């Protein structure tokens, strides 16, 4: 099955949600589990980790990953953006909801139009 291309922000969102989901189940979050959840090659995921860490959305220490309050805020704002797009009828998304570590819902969406929509609304 061919995987749809994902926008960079969508990838960051999915990585952050995977970290939050793993934090609910385990005290320690390791990169390999996040890799499987976000469906990325390891080297690509590590590049995203570097960027997320540079933006202070995650914290890495001795091979373990933690999401920061800024990362949680990003997932909340991303969810609000997706909900806004759905409420105004811009498109319907196929979704998989996961309740995150903070109790908010992370929505994994699959839409090719997300990148265009994000830049229009942002």
Protein backbone atom coordinates (compact mmCIF):
# COMPACT_ATOMS: atom_id res chain seq x y z
CA UNK A 1 0.00 0.00 0.00
CA UNK A 2 1.33 3.40 -0.98
CA UNK A 3 1.64 5.88 1.87
CA UNK A 4 0.41 9.40 1.24
CA UNK A 5 2.93 12.20 1.43
CA UNK A 6 2.72 14.12 4.66
CA UNK A 7 3.43 17.77 5.25
CA UNK A 8 6.33 18.56 7.59
CA UNK A 9 4.02 19.95 10.28
CA UNK A 10 1.86 16.87 10.05
CA UNK A 11 4.96 14.72 10.56
CA UNK A 12 5.97 16.77 13.59
CA UNK A 13 2.46 16.43 14.96
CA UNK A 14 2.44 12.66 14.47
CA UNK A 15 5.87 12.33 16.12
CA UNK A 16 4.77 14.41 19.12
CA UNK A 17 1.55 12.42 19.45
CA UNK A 18 3.49 9.15 19.24
CA UNK A 19 5.73 10.37 22.06
CA UNK A 20 2.71 11.36 24.16
CA UNK A 21 1.00 8.02 23.51
CA UNK A 22 4.15 6.15 24.51
CA UNK A 23 4.46 8.27 27.66
CA UNK A 24 0.96 7.09 28.68
CA UNK A 25 2.01 3.46 28.42
CA UNK A 26 5.64 3.66 29.58
CA UNK A 27 7.67 5.98 31.71
CA UNK A 28 10.48 5.98 29.17
CA UNK A 29 10.08 6.86 25.51
CA UNK A 30 12.61 5.37 23.14
CA UNK A 31 13.13 6.49 19.52
CA UNK A 32 12.39 3.07 18.00
CA UNK A 33 8.82 2.93 19.33
CA UNK A 34 8.23 6.49 18.13
CA UNK A 35 9.62 5.51 14.73
CA UNK A 36 7.12 2.66 14.37
CA UNK A 37 4.18 4.80 15.47
CA UNK A 38 5.03 7.67 13.13
CA UNK A 39 5.92 5.36 10.19
CA UNK A 40 9.25 7.02 9.38
CA UNK A 41 12.68 5.75 8.49
CA UNK A 42 15.03 6.05 11.45
CA UNK A 43 17.40 8.58 9.86
CA UNK A 44 14.50 10.80 8.75
CA UNK A 45 12.95 10.61 12.20
CA UNK A 46 16.24 11.61 13.83
CA UNK A 47 16.37 14.68 11.57
CA UNK A 48 12.87 15.60 12.76
CA UNK A 49 13.98 15.00 16.37
CA UNK A 50 16.86 17.44 15.86
CA UNK A 51 14.47 20.07 14.54
CA UNK A 52 11.88 19.48 17.29
CA UNK A 53 14.60 19.66 19.92
CA UNK A 54 15.91 22.88 18.38
CA UNK A 55 12.41 24.33 18.65
CA UNK A 56 12.23 23.09 22.26
CA UNK A 57 9.23 20.83 21.60
CA UNK A 58 11.04 17.72 22.83
CA UNK A 59 13.88 17.00 25.20
CA UNK A 60 16.36 14.15 24.64
CA UNK A 61 18.61 12.75 27.31
CA UNK A 62 20.61 9.50 27.13
CA UNK A 63 18.47 8.03 24.36
CA UNK A 64 15.14 8.88 26.02
CA UNK A 65 12.65 11.43 24.72
CA UNK A 66 10.23 13.69 26.57
CA UNK A 67 7.69 16.08 25.10
CA UNK A 68 7.82 19.62 26.50
CA UNK A 69 4.96 21.98 27.29
CA UNK A 70 5.70 23.78 24.00
CA UNK A 71 5.31 20.46 22.16
CA UNK A 72 1.99 19.79 23.92
CA UNK A 73 0.81 23.29 23.01
CA UNK A 74 1.68 22.61 19.36
CA UNK A 75 -0.44 19.42 19.33
CA UNK A 76 -3.36 21.28 20.89
CA UNK A 77 -3.13 24.10 18.32
CA UNK A 78 -2.80 21.61 15.48
CA UNK A 79 -5.98 19.87 16.70
CA UNK A 80 -7.77 23.23 16.81
CA UNK A 81 -6.70 23.94 13.22
CA UNK A 82 -7.96 20.56 12.00
CA UNK A 83 -11.26 21.02 13.87
CA UNK A 84 -11.67 24.49 12.35
CA UNK A 85 -11.12 23.11 8.86
CA UNK A 86 -13.68 20.36 9.45
CA UNK A 87 -16.22 22.72 11.01
CA UNK A 88 -16.17 25.11 8.07
CA UNK A 89 -16.48 22.16 5.70
CA UNK A 90 -13.17 22.51 3.90
CA UNK A 91 -12.73 18.75 3.84
CA UNK A 92 -13.47 15.56 5.70
CA UNK A 93 -10.50 13.76 7.16
CA UNK A 94 -9.93 10.12 7.87
CA UNK A 95 -8.89 10.16 11.49
CA UNK A 96 -7.45 7.97 14.18
CA UNK A 97 -7.86 9.56 17.61
CA UNK A 98 -5.59 8.82 20.53
CA UNK A 99 -5.99 10.30 23.98
CA UNK A 100 -2.66 11.87 24.83
CA UNK A 101 -0.67 11.97 28.04
CA UNK A 102 -2.24 15.32 28.92
CA UNK A 103 -5.79 14.09 28.29
CA UNK A 104 -6.12 15.97 25.01
CA UNK A 105 -6.82 14.06 21.83
CA UNK A 106 -4.20 13.59 19.15
CA UNK A 107 -5.68 13.18 15.71
CA UNK A 108 -3.68 11.40 13.03
CA UNK A 109 -5.10 12.76 9.80
CA UNK A 110 -4.47 11.72 6.25
CA UNK A 111 -4.97 14.54 3.79
CA UNK A 112 -2.95 15.74 0.84
CA UNK A 113 -4.46 19.19 1.10
CA UNK A 114 -3.23 19.87 4.63
CA UNK A 115 -0.12 21.80 3.63
CA UNK A 116 -2.07 24.16 1.41
CA UNK A 117 -4.80 24.59 4.01
CA UNK A 118 -2.30 25.24 6.78
CA UNK A 119 -0.58 28.04 4.88
CA UNK A 120 -3.93 29.61 3.93
CA UNK A 121 -5.22 29.63 7.51
CA UNK A 122 -1.97 30.31 9.30
